[in-house]
Amino acid sequence: MQESRPLLPDPVRRLAAWCAAVLLVSGVVYVGIRLCAQLRTAVVPVLLALLGTALLRPFHRRLVKARVNRSVAAGVTCVAVVAVVGGAVYIVVAALIDTGDEIVASLKDAARGVADHFGAAGTSLDDLASNARELLSKFGGTAASGVISGVSVVGESIAMAVLALLLVFFFLRDSDRAVATLRSAIPGAAGDTVEAMARRAFRAVEGFMRGTTLIALIDAVCITVGLLVLRVPGAAGLGALVFVGAYIPYLGAFLSGALAVLVALADRGFVIALWALGVVLAVQVLEGHVLQPAIQSRTVQMHPAVVMVTITAGASVAGILGMLLAVPLTAAAFGVVLELRARHGTPAPPAGEP
């Protein structure tokens, strides 16, 4: 009896199986992203709380080792975060208020010089201001609705920030119970695998947050000192922007550094702007060739191309917040993949065997 041959050769069937798996995973990811977008007021605080927990857990662990009650240690940690963040915001706002008029005046001078250089006849800042007033009066209703929507966005952001802070408290206090709960929810050998993947993903996020924070602090201090030496206005505020921008790899450092150079150009002239550019480039070289390999190479190993694609995807999904969350989430995904490879990968043959 003659055996029936398959209609498609083996390579084509394997390709079809891989395509079906990729389409299935892509569909699940797309549905998950859509659900997260619909439930963003609950999902975003949870993700921010996980990042905050990954960053603050070493401090909380030290307090617990010093025989401080877990709830008290979590409360002290959250209060310290509020004090540090509030103090930083106060310093930045005070610096911008003190030097804001000077920065605006210097930017106006730079804009006037650009208009004169390019020969914009009959165009001045006063003309632009009058045209802006006409547009504002023409579209006053639209502007008012925009202000109302902006107020609602601010209120929503404050509510999510408060919820994230409360979740950080509970995550820190009950972190020991979370693993046991996860382990009990999935019985059998699968529970061990899920627990190992969760631990590996959290360690990857923890390493990313610690390393990024240390690198951001070094970058902000170096650039702030350089701008202070160059007597650039708003050096403290610009340094704070550098610190915040460092949490968005590559793009954040580029934007904050470009803003510092523009302020230097507007206020101090072309030569000082070149010096400011040199300071920013020197700090970026220090970060890329010394700080990144020394601090984050042991915890997060992602190619720069992967990071750039991840940031672009995060920006297209959730804007600035997506850019902030994209890299740590990708680091967690890499951690899960590495754990699965370590558990289910094919072991390498011993030395000497073919």
C-alpha atoms as a PDB file:
ATOM      1  CA  MET A   1       0.000   0.000   0.000  1.00  0.00           C
ATOM      2  CA  GLN A   2       1.483   3.276  -1.059  1.00  0.00           C
ATOM      3  CA  GLU A   3       1.892   5.914   1.694  1.00  0.00           C
ATOM      4  CA  SER A   4       0.300   9.289   1.070  1.00  0.00           C
ATOM      5  CA  ARG A   5       2.710  12.164   0.769  1.00  0.00           C
ATOM      6  CA  PRO A   6       2.004  15.520   2.431  1.00  0.00           C
ATOM      7  CA  LEU A   7       0.793  18.258   0.129  1.00  0.00           C
ATOM      8  CA  LEU A   8       3.448  20.679   1.384  1.00  0.00           C
ATOM      9  CA  PRO A   9       7.117  19.997   2.048  1.00  0.00           C
ATOM     10  CA  ASP A  10       8.443  20.117   5.597  1.00  0.00           C
ATOM     11  CA  PRO A  11      10.129  23.563   5.319  1.00  0.00           C
ATOM     12  CA  VAL A  12       6.882  25.146   4.141  1.00  0.00           C
ATOM     13  CA  ARG A  13       4.888  23.521   6.948  1.00  0.00           C
ATOM     14  CA  ARG A  14       7.396  24.695   9.544  1.00  0.00           C
ATOM     15  CA  LEU A  15       7.219  28.209   8.124  1.00  0.00           C
ATOM     16  CA  ALA A  16       3.415  28.094   8.251  1.00  0.00           C
ATOM     17  CA  ALA A  17       3.529  26.941  11.884  1.00  0.00           C
ATOM     18  CA  TRP A  18       5.867  29.794  12.819  1.00  0.00           C
ATOM     19  CA  CYS A  19       3.651  32.297  10.987  1.00  0.00           C
ATOM     20  CA  ALA A  20       0.576  31.030  12.827  1.00  0.00           C
ATOM     21  CA  ALA A  21       2.393  31.303  16.165  1.00  0.00           C
ATOM     22  CA  VAL A  22       3.572  34.837  15.381  1.00  0.00           C
ATOM     23  CA  LEU A  23       0.076  35.916  14.325  1.00  0.00           C
ATOM     24  CA  LEU A  24      -1.425  34.406  17.475  1.00  0.00           C
ATOM     25  CA  VAL A  25       1.083  36.118  19.756  1.00  0.00           C
ATOM     26  CA  SER A  26       0.674  39.409  17.878  1.00  0.00           C
ATOM     27  CA  GLY A  27      -3.099  39.213  18.253  1.00  0.00           C
ATOM     28  CA  VAL A  28      -2.852  38.547  21.982  1.00  0.00           C
ATOM     29  CA  VAL A  29      -0.399  41.436  22.414  1.00  0.00           C
ATOM     30  CA  TYR A  30      -2.625  43.777  20.404  1.00  0.00           C
ATOM     31  CA  VAL A  31      -5.705  42.887  22.446  1.00  0.00           C
ATOM     32  CA  GLY A  32      -3.707  43.317  25.648  1.00  0.00           C
ATOM     33  CA  ILE A  33      -2.509  46.761  24.564  1.00  0.00           C
ATOM     34  CA  ARG A  34      -6.044  47.816  23.661  1.00  0.00           C
ATOM     35  CA  LEU A  35      -7.332  46.647  27.037  1.00  0.00           C
ATOM     36  CA  CYS A  36      -4.538  48.498  28.825  1.00  0.00           C
ATOM     37  CA  ALA A  37      -5.380  51.647  26.862  1.00  0.00           C
ATOM     38  CA  GLN A  38      -9.027  51.387  27.873  1.00  0.00           C
ATOM     39  CA  LEU A  39      -8.088  50.761  31.518  1.00  0.00           C
ATOM     40  CA  ARG A  40      -5.150  53.169  31.597  1.00  0.00           C
ATOM     41  CA  THR A  41      -6.263  54.888  34.800  1.00  0.00           C
ATOM     42  CA  ALA A  42      -5.782  51.569  36.601  1.00  0.00           C
ATOM     43  CA  VAL A  43      -2.960  50.039  34.547  1.00  0.00           C
ATOM     44  CA  VAL A  44      -0.637  53.065  34.548  1.00  0.00           C
ATOM     45  CA  PRO A  45      -0.539  53.424  38.363  1.00  0.00           C
ATOM     46  CA  VAL A  46       0.199  49.699  38.693  1.00  0.00           C
ATOM     47  CA  LEU A  47       3.111  49.914  36.234  1.00  0.00           C
ATOM     48  CA  LEU A  48       4.489  53.064  37.849  1.00  0.00           C
ATOM     49  CA  ALA A  49       4.141  51.439  41.267  1.00  0.00           C
ATOM     50  CA  LEU A  50       6.091  48.407  40.069  1.00  0.00           C
ATOM     51  CA  LEU A  51       8.876  50.678  38.807  1.00  0.00           C
ATOM     52  CA  GLY A  52       8.875  52.588  42.087  1.00  0.00           C
ATOM     53  CA  THR A  53       8.925  49.355  44.064  1.00  0.00           C
ATOM     54  CA  ALA A  54      11.854  48.063  42.034  1.00  0.00           C
ATOM     55  CA  LEU A  55      13.746  51.277  42.756  1.00  0.00           C
ATOM     56  CA  LEU A  56      12.863  51.593  46.447  1.00  0.00           C
ATOM     57  CA  ARG A  57      12.956  47.976  47.570  1.00  0.00           C
ATOM     58  CA  PRO A  58      16.667  48.026  48.591  1.00  0.00           C
ATOM     59  CA  PHE A  59      15.991  50.939  50.962  1.00  0.00           C
ATOM     60  CA  HIS A  60      12.919  49.202  52.374  1.00  0.00           C
ATOM     61  CA  ARG A  61      14.877  45.968  52.768  1.00  0.00           C
ATOM     62  CA  ARG A  62      17.561  47.743  54.789  1.00  0.00           C
ATOM     63  CA  LEU A  63      14.945  49.186  57.117  1.00  0.00           C
ATOM     64  CA  VAL A  64      13.407  45.742  57.605  1.00  0.00           C
ATOM     65  CA  LYS A  65      16.838  44.255  58.347  1.00  0.00           C
ATOM     66  CA  ALA A  66      17.255  46.983  60.975  1.00  0.00           C
ATOM     67  CA  ARG A  67      14.194  45.432  62.704  1.00  0.00           C
ATOM     68  CA  VAL A  68      11.750  48.093  61.602  1.00  0.00           C
ATOM     69  CA  ASN A  69       8.167  46.941  61.161  1.00  0.00           C
ATOM     70  CA  ARG A  70       7.369  46.253  57.498  1.00  0.00           C
ATOM     71  CA  SER A  71       4.416  48.653  57.445  1.00  0.00           C
ATOM     72  CA  VAL A  72       6.423  51.380  59.161  1.00  0.00           C
ATOM     73  CA  ALA A  73       9.351  50.804  56.786  1.00  0.00           C
ATOM     74  CA  ALA A  74       7.046  51.051  53.758  1.00  0.00           C
ATOM     75  CA  GLY A  75       5.485  54.242  55.130  1.00  0.00           C
ATOM     76  CA  VAL A  76       8.883  55.809  55.832  1.00  0.00           C
ATOM     77  CA  THR A  77      10.018  54.903  52.317  1.00  0.00           C
ATOM     78  CA  CYS A  78       6.955  56.521  50.714  1.00  0.00           C
ATOM     79  CA  VAL A  79       7.300  59.637  52.868  1.00  0.00           C
ATOM     80  CA  ALA A  80      10.977  59.887  51.879  1.00  0.00           C
ATOM     81  CA  VAL A  81      10.014  59.640  48.209  1.00  0.00           C
ATOM     82  CA  VAL A  82       7.402  62.382  48.568  1.00  0.00           C
ATOM     83  CA  ALA A  83       9.932  64.591  50.393  1.00  0.00           C
ATOM     84  CA  VAL A  84      12.662  64.036  47.784  1.00  0.00           C
ATOM     85  CA  VAL A  85      10.346  64.525  44.802  1.00  0.00           C
ATOM     86  CA  GLY A  86       8.664  67.537  46.385  1.00  0.00           C
ATOM     87  CA  GLY A  87      12.016  69.107  47.241  1.00  0.00           C
ATOM     88  CA  ALA A  88      13.294  68.531  43.714  1.00  0.00           C
ATOM     89  CA  VAL A  89      10.147  70.074  42.204  1.00  0.00           C
ATOM     90  CA  TYR A  90      10.458  73.056  44.524  1.00  0.00           C
ATOM     91  CA  ILE A  91      14.112  73.587  43.570  1.00  0.00           C
ATOM     92  CA  VAL A  92      13.341  73.350  39.853  1.00  0.00           C
ATOM     93  CA  VAL A  93      10.319  75.660  40.036  1.00  0.00           C
ATOM     94  CA  ALA A  94      12.215  78.195  42.163  1.00  0.00           C
ATOM     95  CA  ALA A  95      15.128  78.138  39.735  1.00  0.00           C
ATOM     96  CA  LEU A  96      12.852  78.587  36.738  1.00  0.00           C
ATOM     97  CA  ILE A  97      10.972  81.429  38.459  1.00  0.00           C
ATOM     98  CA  ASP A  98      14.208  83.215  39.338  1.00  0.00           C
ATOM     99  CA  THR A  99      15.669  82.901  35.858  1.00  0.00           C
ATOM    100  CA  GLY A 100      12.492  82.530  33.784  1.00  0.00           C
ATOM    101  CA  ASP A 101      12.288  86.183  32.743  1.00  0.00           C
ATOM    102  CA  GLU A 102      15.938  86.158  31.763  1.00  0.00           C
ATOM    103  CA  ILE A 103      15.518  83.002  29.678  1.00  0.00           C
ATOM    104  CA  VAL A 104      12.407  84.354  27.940  1.00  0.00           C
ATOM    105  CA  ALA A 105      14.126  87.678  27.216  1.00  0.00           C
ATOM    106  CA  SER A 106      17.175  85.919  25.791  1.00  0.00           C
ATOM    107  CA  LEU A 107      14.989  83.695  23.618  1.00  0.00           C
ATOM    108  CA  LYS A 108      13.154  86.780  22.330  1.00  0.00           C
ATOM    109  CA  ASP A 109      16.486  88.395  21.464  1.00  0.00           C
ATOM    110  CA  ALA A 110      17.530  85.225  19.647  1.00  0.00           C
ATOM    111  CA  ALA A 111      14.236  85.096  17.733  1.00  0.00           C
ATOM    112  CA  ARG A 112      14.569  88.761  16.791  1.00  0.00           C
ATOM    113  CA  GLY A 113      18.101  88.146  15.583  1.00  0.00           C
ATOM    114  CA  VAL A 114      16.996  85.164  13.485  1.00  0.00           C
ATOM    115  CA  ALA A 115      14.176  87.223  11.947  1.00  0.00           C
ATOM    116  CA  ASP A 116      16.590  90.056  11.090  1.00  0.00           C
ATOM    117  CA  HIS A 117      19.156  87.638   9.699  1.00  0.00           C
ATOM    118  CA  PHE A 118      16.711  85.922   7.351  1.00  0.00           C
ATOM    119  CA  GLY A 119      15.163  89.224   6.305  1.00  0.00           C
ATOM    120  CA  ALA A 120      11.612  88.699   7.489  1.00  0.00           C
ATOM    121  CA  ALA A 121      10.469  92.131   6.332  1.00  0.00           C
ATOM    122  CA  GLY A 122       7.482  93.574   8.142  1.00  0.00           C
ATOM    123  CA  THR A 123       7.517  90.765  10.689  1.00  0.00           C
ATOM    124  CA  SER A 124       8.346  91.305  14.320  1.00  0.00           C
ATOM    125  CA  LEU A 125       7.528  89.815  17.658  1.00  0.00           C
ATOM    126  CA  ASP A 126       4.866  92.469  18.168  1.00  0.00           C
ATOM    127  CA  ASP A 127       3.203  91.421  14.897  1.00  0.00           C
ATOM    128  CA  LEU A 128       3.303  87.811  15.962  1.00  0.00           C
ATOM    129  CA  ALA A 129       1.783  88.738  19.323  1.00  0.00           C
ATOM    130  CA  SER A 130      -1.052  90.701  17.686  1.00  0.00           C
ATOM    131  CA  ASN A 131      -1.745  87.827  15.270  1.00  0.00           C
ATOM    132  CA  ALA A 132      -1.792  85.428  18.205  1.00  0.00           C
ATOM    133  CA  ARG A 133      -4.331  87.627  19.984  1.00  0.00           C
ATOM    134  CA  GLU A 134      -6.550  87.665  16.887  1.00  0.00           C
ATOM    135  CA  LEU A 135      -6.380  83.896  16.602  1.00  0.00           C
ATOM    136  CA  LEU A 136      -7.152  83.538  20.292  1.00  0.00           C
ATOM    137  CA  SER A 137     -10.219  85.776  20.022  1.00  0.00           C
ATOM    138  CA  LYS A 138     -11.357  83.914  16.900  1.00  0.00           C
ATOM    139  CA  PHE A 139     -11.006  80.479  18.430  1.00  0.00           C
ATOM    140  CA  GLY A 140     -11.843  81.388  22.013  1.00  0.00           C
ATOM    141  CA  GLY A 141     -14.359  78.583  22.413  1.00  0.00           C
ATOM    142  CA  THR A 142     -11.876  75.983  21.246  1.00  0.00           C
ATOM    143  CA  ALA A 143      -9.246  77.371  23.589  1.00  0.00           C
ATOM    144  CA  ALA A 144     -11.662  77.301  26.514  1.00  0.00           C
ATOM    145  CA  SER A 145     -12.554  73.667  25.845  1.00  0.00           C
ATOM    146  CA  GLY A 146      -8.844  72.903  25.582  1.00  0.00           C
ATOM    147  CA  VAL A 147      -8.249  74.506  28.970  1.00  0.00           C
ATOM    148  CA  ILE A 148     -11.075  72.455  30.486  1.00  0.00           C
ATOM    149  CA  SER A 149      -9.705  69.230  29.011  1.00  0.00           C
ATOM    150  CA  GLY A 150      -6.242  70.178  30.230  1.00  0.00           C
ATOM    151  CA  VAL A 151      -7.569  70.664  33.764  1.00  0.00           C
ATOM    152  CA  SER A 152      -9.229  67.249  33.617  1.00  0.00           C
ATOM    153  CA  VAL A 153      -5.981  65.670  32.432  1.00  0.00           C
ATOM    154  CA  VAL A 154      -4.101  67.289  35.310  1.00  0.00           C
ATOM    155  CA  GLY A 155      -6.683  66.007  37.785  1.00  0.00           C
ATOM    156  CA  GLU A 156      -6.488  62.519  36.321  1.00  0.00           C
ATOM    157  CA  SER A 157      -2.692  62.589  36.503  1.00  0.00           C
ATOM    158  CA  ILE A 158      -2.760  63.644  40.156  1.00  0.00           C
ATOM    159  CA  ALA A 159      -5.218  60.857  40.974  1.00  0.00           C
ATOM    160  CA  MET A 160      -3.037  58.273  39.211  1.00  0.00           C
ATOM    161  CA  ALA A 161       0.058  59.555  41.020  1.00  0.00           C
ATOM    162  CA  VAL A 162      -1.659  59.232  44.413  1.00  0.00           C
ATOM    163  CA  LEU A 163      -2.868  55.740  43.539  1.00  0.00           C
ATOM    164  CA  ALA A 164       0.628  54.752  42.377  1.00  0.00           C
ATOM    165  CA  LEU A 165       2.102  55.985  45.684  1.00  0.00           C
ATOM    166  CA  LEU A 166      -0.437  53.959  47.683  1.00  0.00           C
ATOM    167  CA  LEU A 167       0.309  50.897  45.565  1.00  0.00           C
ATOM    168  CA  VAL A 168       4.037  51.345  46.203  1.00  0.00           C
ATOM    169  CA  PHE A 169       3.292  51.219  49.935  1.00  0.00           C
ATOM    170  CA  PHE A 170       1.337  47.972  49.615  1.00  0.00           C
ATOM    171  CA  PHE A 171       3.807  46.409  47.190  1.00  0.00           C
ATOM    172  CA  LEU A 172       6.697  47.127  49.543  1.00  0.00           C
ATOM    173  CA  ARG A 173       4.858  45.930  52.628  1.00  0.00           C
ATOM    174  CA  ASP A 174       3.410  42.763  51.107  1.00  0.00           C
ATOM    175  CA  SER A 175       6.183  41.811  48.680  1.00  0.00           C
ATOM    176  CA  ASP A 176       6.901  38.610  50.627  1.00  0.00           C
ATOM    177  CA  ARG A 177       3.258  37.535  50.338  1.00  0.00           C
ATOM    178  CA  ALA A 178       3.041  38.279  46.620  1.00  0.00           C
ATOM    179  CA  VAL A 179       5.407  35.465  45.664  1.00  0.00           C
ATOM    180  CA  ALA A 180       3.577  32.964  47.857  1.00  0.00           C
ATOM    181  CA  THR A 181       0.227  34.043  46.408  1.00  0.00           C
ATOM    182  CA  LEU A 182       1.518  33.696  42.857  1.00  0.00           C
ATOM    183  CA  ARG A 183       3.004  30.297  43.646  1.00  0.00           C
ATOM    184  CA  SER A 184      -0.219  28.999  45.203  1.00  0.00           C
ATOM    185  CA  ALA A 185      -2.365  30.215  42.308  1.00  0.00           C
ATOM    186  CA  ILE A 186      -0.524  27.997  39.818  1.00  0.00           C
ATOM    187  CA  PRO A 187      -0.133  24.455  41.132  1.00  0.00           C
ATOM    188  CA  GLY A 188       2.355  21.883  39.930  1.00  0.00           C
ATOM    189  CA  ALA A 189       5.611  22.354  38.096  1.00  0.00           C
ATOM    190  CA  ALA A 190       4.186  25.304  36.155  1.00  0.00           C
ATOM    191  CA  GLY A 191       4.093  27.285  39.395  1.00  0.00           C
ATOM    192  CA  ASP A 192       7.841  26.977  39.788  1.00  0.00           C
ATOM    193  CA  THR A 193       8.362  28.191  36.221  1.00  0.00           C
ATOM    194  CA  VAL A 194       6.007  31.153  36.605  1.00  0.00           C
ATOM    195  CA  GLU A 195       7.605  32.114  39.922  1.00  0.00           C
ATOM    196  CA  ALA A 196      11.091  31.948  38.398  1.00  0.00           C
ATOM    197  CA  MET A 197       9.986  34.056  35.411  1.00  0.00           C
ATOM    198  CA  ALA A 198       8.395  36.664  37.681  1.00  0.00           C
ATOM    199  CA  ARG A 199      11.520  36.888  39.830  1.00  0.00           C
ATOM    200  CA  ARG A 200      13.755  37.171  36.756  1.00  0.00           C
ATOM    201  CA  ALA A 201      11.574  39.900  35.220  1.00  0.00           C
ATOM    202  CA  PHE A 202      11.467  41.894  38.448  1.00  0.00           C
ATOM    203  CA  ARG A 203      15.240  41.624  38.867  1.00  0.00           C
ATOM    204  CA  ALA A 204      15.681  42.967  35.342  1.00  0.00           C
ATOM    205  CA  VAL A 205      13.388  45.937  36.078  1.00  0.00           C
ATOM    206  CA  GLU A 206      15.102  46.492  39.431  1.00  0.00           C
ATOM    207  CA  GLY A 207      18.526  46.544  37.808  1.00  0.00           C
ATOM    208  CA  PHE A 208      17.316  48.909  35.098  1.00  0.00           C
ATOM    209  CA  MET A 209      15.803  51.356  37.599  1.00  0.00           C
ATOM    210  CA  ARG A 210      18.837  51.385  39.900  1.00  0.00           C
ATOM    211  CA  GLY A 211      21.308  51.743  37.062  1.00  0.00           C
ATOM    212  CA  THR A 212      19.293  54.387  35.241  1.00  0.00           C
ATOM    213  CA  THR A 213      18.823  56.430  38.411  1.00  0.00           C
ATOM    214  CA  LEU A 214      22.548  56.384  39.190  1.00  0.00           C
ATOM    215  CA  ILE A 215      23.454  57.298  35.612  1.00  0.00           C
ATOM    216  CA  ALA A 216      20.811  60.057  35.546  1.00  0.00           C
ATOM    217  CA  LEU A 217      22.172  61.521  38.775  1.00  0.00           C
ATOM    218  CA  ILE A 218      25.746  61.568  37.468  1.00  0.00           C
ATOM    219  CA  ASP A 219      24.659  63.113  34.156  1.00  0.00           C
ATOM    220  CA  ALA A 220      22.556  65.782  35.858  1.00  0.00           C
ATOM    221  CA  VAL A 221      25.326  66.738  38.295  1.00  0.00           C
ATOM    222  CA  CYS A 222      27.998  66.951  35.585  1.00  0.00           C
ATOM    223  CA  ILE A 223      25.850  68.999  33.186  1.00  0.00           C
ATOM    224  CA  THR A 224      24.598  71.286  35.981  1.00  0.00           C
ATOM    225  CA  VAL A 225      28.162  71.990  37.114  1.00  0.00           C
ATOM    226  CA  GLY A 226      29.195  72.704  33.517  1.00  0.00           C
ATOM    227  CA  LEU A 227      26.281  75.084  32.958  1.00  0.00           C
ATOM    228  CA  LEU A 228      26.980  76.852  36.249  1.00  0.00           C
ATOM    229  CA  VAL A 229      30.610  77.354  35.245  1.00  0.00           C
ATOM    230  CA  LEU A 230      29.437  78.756  31.908  1.00  0.00           C
ATOM    231  CA  ARG A 231      26.908  80.966  33.767  1.00  0.00           C
ATOM    232  CA  VAL A 232      23.951  79.692  31.750  1.00  0.00           C
ATOM    233  CA  PRO A 233      20.625  80.809  33.289  1.00  0.00           C
ATOM    234  CA  GLY A 234      18.401  78.136  34.783  1.00  0.00           C
ATOM    235  CA  ALA A 235      21.249  75.646  35.203  1.00  0.00           C
ATOM    236  CA  ALA A 236      19.481  73.870  38.095  1.00  0.00           C
ATOM    237  CA  GLY A 237      16.249  73.490  36.146  1.00  0.00           C
ATOM    238  CA  LEU A 238      18.090  72.280  33.057  1.00  0.00           C
ATOM    239  CA  GLY A 239      20.009  69.772  35.190  1.00  0.00           C
ATOM    240  CA  ALA A 240      16.720  68.499  36.610  1.00  0.00           C
ATOM    241  CA  LEU A 241      15.399  68.046  33.068  1.00  0.00           C
ATOM    242  CA  VAL A 242      18.530  66.058  32.243  1.00  0.00           C
ATOM    243  CA  PHE A 243      17.855  63.837  35.255  1.00  0.00           C
ATOM    244  CA  VAL A 244      14.242  63.197  34.227  1.00  0.00           C
ATOM    245  CA  GLY A 245      15.155  62.765  30.552  1.00  0.00           C
ATOM    246  CA  ALA A 246      17.706  60.080  31.399  1.00  0.00           C
ATOM    247  CA  TYR A 247      14.838  57.677  32.122  1.00  0.00           C
ATOM    248  CA  ILE A 248      14.075  57.784  28.390  1.00  0.00           C
ATOM    249  CA  PRO A 249      17.317  56.350  26.950  1.00  0.00           C
ATOM    250  CA  TYR A 250      19.040  58.217  24.111  1.00  0.00           C
ATOM    251  CA  LEU A 251      16.081  60.413  23.138  1.00  0.00           C
ATOM    252  CA  GLY A 252      15.627  62.010  26.574  1.00  0.00           C
ATOM    253  CA  ALA A 253      19.306  62.867  26.887  1.00  0.00           C
ATOM    254  CA  PHE A 254      19.300  64.325  23.360  1.00  0.00           C
ATOM    255  CA  LEU A 255      16.279  66.562  23.972  1.00  0.00           C
ATOM    256  CA  SER A 256      17.393  67.836  27.390  1.00  0.00           C
ATOM    257  CA  GLY A 257      20.930  68.473  26.122  1.00  0.00           C
ATOM    258  CA  ALA A 258      19.626  70.288  23.037  1.00  0.00           C
ATOM    259  CA  LEU A 259      17.478  72.515  25.264  1.00  0.00           C
ATOM    260  CA  ALA A 260      20.507  73.390  27.416  1.00  0.00           C
ATOM    261  CA  VAL A 261      22.515  74.305  24.325  1.00  0.00           C
ATOM    262  CA  LEU A 262      19.669  76.468  22.962  1.00  0.00           C
ATOM    263  CA  VAL A 263      19.365  78.361  26.239  1.00  0.00           C
ATOM    264  CA  ALA A 264      23.130  78.918  26.256  1.00  0.00           C
ATOM    265  CA  LEU A 265      22.986  80.138  22.670  1.00  0.00           C
ATOM    266  CA  ALA A 266      20.142  82.533  23.404  1.00  0.00           C
ATOM    267  CA  ASP A 267      21.672  84.039  26.522  1.00  0.00           C
ATOM    268  CA  ARG A 268      25.443  83.687  26.278  1.00  0.00           C
ATOM    269  CA  GLY A 269      26.160  83.654  22.569  1.00  0.00           C
ATOM    270  CA  PHE A 270      27.606  81.266  20.026  1.00  0.00           C
ATOM    271  CA  VAL A 271      30.927  80.561  21.769  1.00  0.00           C
ATOM    272  CA  ILE A 272      29.367  79.671  25.117  1.00  0.00           C
ATOM    273  CA  ALA A 273      26.801  77.546  23.283  1.00  0.00           C
ATOM    274  CA  LEU A 274      29.685  75.602  21.721  1.00  0.00           C
ATOM    275  CA  TRP A 275      31.178  75.093  25.179  1.00  0.00           C
ATOM    276  CA  ALA A 276      27.786  73.919  26.470  1.00  0.00           C
ATOM    277  CA  LEU A 277      27.537  71.521  23.542  1.00  0.00           C
ATOM    278  CA  GLY A 278      30.978  70.221  24.414  1.00  0.00           C
ATOM    279  CA  VAL A 279      29.904  69.625  28.020  1.00  0.00           C
ATOM    280  CA  VAL A 280      26.775  67.765  26.912  1.00  0.00           C
ATOM    281  CA  LEU A 281      28.707  65.632  24.405  1.00  0.00           C
ATOM    282  CA  ALA A 282      31.425  64.854  26.958  1.00  0.00           C
ATOM    283  CA  VAL A 283      28.809  63.689  29.462  1.00  0.00           C
ATOM    284  CA  GLN A 284      27.109  61.557  26.809  1.00  0.00           C
ATOM    285  CA  VAL A 285      30.446  59.966  25.847  1.00  0.00           C
ATOM    286  CA  LEU A 286      31.119  59.281  29.538  1.00  0.00           C
ATOM    287  CA  GLU A 287      27.699  57.693  29.863  1.00  0.00           C
ATOM    288  CA  GLY A 288      27.916  55.577  26.722  1.00  0.00           C
ATOM    289  CA  HIS A 289      31.480  54.305  27.132  1.00  0.00           C
ATOM    290  CA  VAL A 290      31.961  54.176  30.905  1.00  0.00           C
ATOM    291  CA  LEU A 291      28.741  54.386  32.915  1.00  0.00           C
ATOM    292  CA  GLN A 292      26.465  52.199  30.809  1.00  0.00           C
ATOM    293  CA  PRO A 293      28.922  49.263  30.480  1.00  0.00           C
ATOM    294  CA  ALA A 294      30.011  49.490  34.121  1.00  0.00           C
ATOM    295  CA  ILE A 295      26.579  49.910  35.733  1.00  0.00           C
ATOM    296  CA  GLN A 296      23.931  48.300  33.558  1.00  0.00           C
ATOM    297  CA  SER A 297      25.820  45.644  31.611  1.00  0.00           C
ATOM    298  CA  ARG A 298      25.333  43.119  34.430  1.00  0.00           C
ATOM    299  CA  THR A 299      21.590  43.602  34.792  1.00  0.00           C
ATOM    300  CA  VAL A 300      20.109  44.771  31.482  1.00  0.00           C
ATOM    301  CA  GLN A 301      21.666  43.692  28.205  1.00  0.00           C
ATOM    302  CA  MET A 302      19.792  45.154  25.255  1.00  0.00           C
ATOM    303  CA  HIS A 303      21.181  46.328  21.970  1.00  0.00           C
ATOM    304  CA  PRO A 304      20.762  50.081  21.291  1.00  0.00           C
ATOM    305  CA  ALA A 305      18.745  49.281  18.158  1.00  0.00           C
ATOM    306  CA  VAL A 306      16.262  47.295  20.267  1.00  0.00           C
ATOM    307  CA  VAL A 307      16.031  50.194  22.720  1.00  0.00           C
ATOM    308  CA  MET A 308      15.342  52.725  19.951  1.00  0.00           C
ATOM    309  CA  VAL A 309      12.625  50.563  18.352  1.00  0.00           C
ATOM    310  CA  THR A 310      11.085  49.968  21.775  1.00  0.00           C
ATOM    311  CA  ILE A 311      10.991  53.694  22.553  1.00  0.00           C
ATOM    312  CA  THR A 312       9.393  54.436  19.165  1.00  0.00           C
ATOM    313  CA  ALA A 313       6.744  51.775  19.715  1.00  0.00           C
ATOM    314  CA  GLY A 314       6.035  53.047  23.216  1.00  0.00           C
ATOM    315  CA  ALA A 315       5.679  56.612  21.946  1.00  0.00           C
ATOM    316  CA  SER A 316       3.225  55.523  19.244  1.00  0.00           C
ATOM    317  CA  VAL A 317       1.110  53.655  21.824  1.00  0.00           C
ATOM    318  CA  ALA A 318       1.109  55.981  24.850  1.00  0.00           C
ATOM    319  CA  GLY A 319       3.162  59.086  24.074  1.00  0.00           C
ATOM    320  CA  ILE A 320       5.696  60.239  26.651  1.00  0.00           C
ATOM    321  CA  LEU A 321       4.423  57.763  29.230  1.00  0.00           C
ATOM    322  CA  GLY A 322       4.900  54.947  26.733  1.00  0.00           C
ATOM    323  CA  MET A 323       8.466  56.086  26.110  1.00  0.00           C
ATOM    324  CA  LEU A 324       9.093  55.990  29.860  1.00  0.00           C
ATOM    325  CA  LEU A 325       7.623  52.522  30.372  1.00  0.00           C
ATOM    326  CA  ALA A 326       8.778  50.873  27.144  1.00  0.00           C
ATOM    327  CA  VAL A 327      12.362  50.068  28.101  1.00  0.00           C
ATOM    328  CA  PRO A 328      11.743  48.611  31.607  1.00  0.00           C
ATOM    329  CA  LEU A 329       8.877  46.503  30.253  1.00  0.00           C
ATOM    330  CA  THR A 330      11.135  45.265  27.466  1.00  0.00           C
ATOM    331  CA  ALA A 331      13.825  44.505  30.048  1.00  0.00           C
ATOM    332  CA  ALA A 332      11.271  42.429  31.968  1.00  0.00           C
ATOM    333  CA  ALA A 333      10.318  40.598  28.759  1.00  0.00           C
ATOM    334  CA  PHE A 334      13.994  39.879  28.069  1.00  0.00           C
ATOM    335  CA  GLY A 335      14.314  38.512  31.594  1.00  0.00           C
ATOM    336  CA  VAL A 336      11.375  36.145  31.017  1.00  0.00           C
ATOM    337  CA  VAL A 337      12.850  34.957  27.710  1.00  0.00           C
ATOM    338  CA  LEU A 338      16.246  34.309  29.316  1.00  0.00           C
ATOM    339  CA  GLU A 339      14.605  32.324  32.119  1.00  0.00           C
ATOM    340  CA  LEU A 340      12.658  30.216  29.624  1.00  0.00           C
ATOM    341  CA  ARG A 341      15.812  29.556  27.617  1.00  0.00           C
ATOM    342  CA  ALA A 342      17.663  28.559  30.756  1.00  0.00           C
ATOM    343  CA  ARG A 343      14.898  26.125  31.748  1.00  0.00           C
ATOM    344  CA  HIS A 344      13.816  24.696  28.391  1.00  0.00           C
ATOM    345  CA  GLY A 345      16.788  25.382  26.116  1.00  0.00           C
ATOM    346  CA  THR A 346      18.861  22.618  24.585  1.00  0.00           C
ATOM    347  CA  PRO A 347      21.935  21.995  26.767  1.00  0.00           C
ATOM    348  CA  ALA A 348      25.286  22.478  25.110  1.00  0.00           C
ATOM    349  CA  PRO A 349      27.247  19.231  24.442  1.00  0.00           C
ATOM    350  CA  PRO A 350      30.236  18.538  26.706  1.00  0.00           C
ATOM    351  CA  ALA A 351      33.658  19.563  25.519  1.00  0.00           C
ATOM    352  CA  GLY A 352      35.225  16.992  23.204  1.00  0.00           C
ATOM    353  CA  GLU A 353      31.938  15.577  21.905  1.00  0.00           C
ATOM    354  CA  PRO A 354      30.919  16.208  18.292  1.00  0.00           C
END
